[in-house]
Amino acid sequence: MAPDVAGSVAGRAMAPIPDDVLYVASLSVAAARRGRGIGSELLRRAGHEATEARLRSVALHVAYSNQAAIRFYVREGFCVHPDWSQQTVQGPPAGGSIRMERPISG
């Protein structure tokens, strides 16, 4: 369950996470270790946890500028969530971010 941050800066800076979604707050693999399936395995485990909890999807945010990560998430079955994209002029992540989701089947 997402913490109640409606009145906080975080609550205003990011769209709310529904209770039936597992949100990946951060996923990073050291550059020297990329291409070995580590990120895929982490997402597989997140999907397994979401399935066990009977959630409808796994979601995350990724910077518009991180095209390599966007391609990776698309390969992993994630789609851009059209209602939750934010472009910014300044501040992290540079250029804003998009929310991507992967539905949980079964």
Protein backbone atom coordinates (compact mmCIF):
# COMPACT_ATOMS: atom_id res chain seq x y z
CA MET A 1 0.00 0.00 0.00
CA ALA A 2 1.33 3.45 -0.88
CA PRO A 3 2.07 5.76 2.05
CA ASP A 4 -0.22 8.75 2.54
CA VAL A 5 1.81 11.58 1.00
CA ALA A 6 -1.03 13.70 -0.37
CA GLY A 7 0.07 16.81 1.50
CA SER A 8 3.80 16.31 1.11
CA VAL A 9 6.09 17.56 -1.64
CA ALA A 10 6.44 13.95 -2.87
CA GLY A 11 2.66 13.67 -3.10
CA ARG A 12 2.51 16.72 -5.33
CA ALA A 13 5.53 15.75 -7.42
CA MET A 14 4.43 12.25 -8.39
CA ALA A 15 1.11 10.77 -9.39
CA PRO A 16 -0.41 8.53 -6.72
CA ILE A 17 0.26 4.80 -6.84
CA PRO A 18 -2.97 2.77 -6.70
CA ASP A 19 -3.22 0.11 -3.99
CA ASP A 20 -3.39 -2.68 -6.58
CA VAL A 21 -0.03 -1.82 -8.18
CA LEU A 22 3.45 -2.88 -7.09
CA TYR A 23 5.66 0.19 -7.60
CA VAL A 24 9.37 -0.22 -8.31
CA ALA A 25 10.86 2.90 -6.76
CA SER A 26 14.32 2.34 -8.21
CA LEU A 27 16.05 -0.24 -10.38
CA SER A 28 19.68 0.09 -11.26
CA VAL A 29 22.37 -2.33 -12.42
CA ALA A 30 26.02 -1.30 -12.44
CA ALA A 31 27.21 -0.59 -15.98
CA ALA A 32 29.84 -3.34 -15.78
CA ARG A 33 27.12 -5.90 -14.93
CA ARG A 34 24.51 -4.94 -17.54
CA GLY A 35 23.51 -7.43 -20.21
CA ARG A 36 23.66 -10.41 -17.84
CA GLY A 37 19.94 -10.65 -17.07
CA ILE A 38 20.14 -9.06 -13.63
CA GLY A 39 17.56 -6.36 -14.36
CA SER A 40 15.26 -8.90 -15.99
CA GLU A 41 15.53 -11.16 -12.94
CA LEU A 42 14.75 -8.29 -10.57
CA LEU A 43 11.65 -7.42 -12.61
CA ARG A 44 10.66 -11.09 -12.73
CA ARG A 45 10.82 -11.22 -8.95
CA ALA A 46 8.79 -8.03 -8.66
CA GLY A 47 6.20 -9.60 -10.96
CA HIS A 48 6.15 -12.74 -8.82
CA GLU A 49 5.56 -10.67 -5.66
CA ALA A 50 2.77 -8.76 -7.41
CA THR A 51 1.17 -12.05 -8.50
CA GLU A 52 1.39 -13.45 -4.97
CA ALA A 53 -0.24 -10.27 -3.61
CA ARG A 54 -2.92 -10.45 -6.33
CA LEU A 55 -2.05 -7.02 -7.70
CA ARG A 56 -2.96 -5.94 -11.23
CA SER A 57 0.39 -4.55 -12.41
CA VAL A 58 3.98 -3.54 -11.76
CA ALA A 59 4.76 0.13 -12.37
CA LEU A 60 7.79 2.40 -12.38
CA HIS A 61 8.93 5.80 -13.58
CA VAL A 62 11.78 6.34 -16.00
CA ALA A 63 13.37 9.56 -17.22
CA TYR A 64 12.40 10.66 -20.75
CA SER A 65 16.10 11.03 -21.46
CA ASN A 66 16.93 7.42 -20.52
CA GLN A 67 16.11 5.80 -23.85
CA ALA A 68 18.15 2.68 -23.11
CA ALA A 69 16.09 2.01 -19.98
CA ILE A 70 12.83 2.69 -21.83
CA ARG A 71 13.83 0.14 -24.50
CA PHE A 72 14.71 -2.36 -21.77
CA TYR A 73 11.35 -1.94 -20.03
CA VAL A 74 9.48 -2.29 -23.33
CA ARG A 75 11.35 -5.57 -23.96
CA GLU A 76 10.26 -6.64 -20.48
CA GLY A 77 6.58 -6.06 -21.35
CA PHE A 78 6.08 -2.57 -19.94
CA CYS A 79 3.98 0.04 -21.74
CA VAL A 80 3.82 3.79 -21.27
CA HIS A 81 0.95 4.74 -18.99
CA PRO A 82 -0.62 7.66 -20.91
CA ASP A 83 -2.16 9.40 -17.90
CA TRP A 84 1.01 9.74 -15.83
CA SER A 85 3.76 11.40 -17.82
CA GLN A 86 5.41 14.56 -16.58
CA GLN A 87 7.73 16.81 -18.50
CA THR A 88 9.80 19.25 -16.51
CA VAL A 89 12.16 22.01 -17.47
CA GLN A 90 14.41 21.60 -14.48
CA GLY A 91 14.94 19.26 -11.57
CA PRO A 92 15.39 15.51 -11.48
CA PRO A 93 14.84 13.54 -13.53
CA ALA A 94 16.13 15.80 -16.28
CA GLY A 95 13.37 16.46 -18.80
CA GLY A 96 10.73 14.69 -16.74
CA SER A 97 9.60 11.13 -16.51
CA ILE A 98 7.05 8.68 -17.77
CA ARG A 99 5.24 5.97 -15.86
CA MET A 100 5.42 2.54 -17.38
CA GLU A 101 3.32 -0.45 -16.30
CA ARG A 102 3.29 -4.16 -16.96
CA PRO A 103 0.02 -5.97 -16.27
CA ILE A 104 0.08 -9.10 -14.16
CA SER A 105 -1.58 -12.02 -15.89
CA GLY A 106 -3.47 -14.71 -14.10
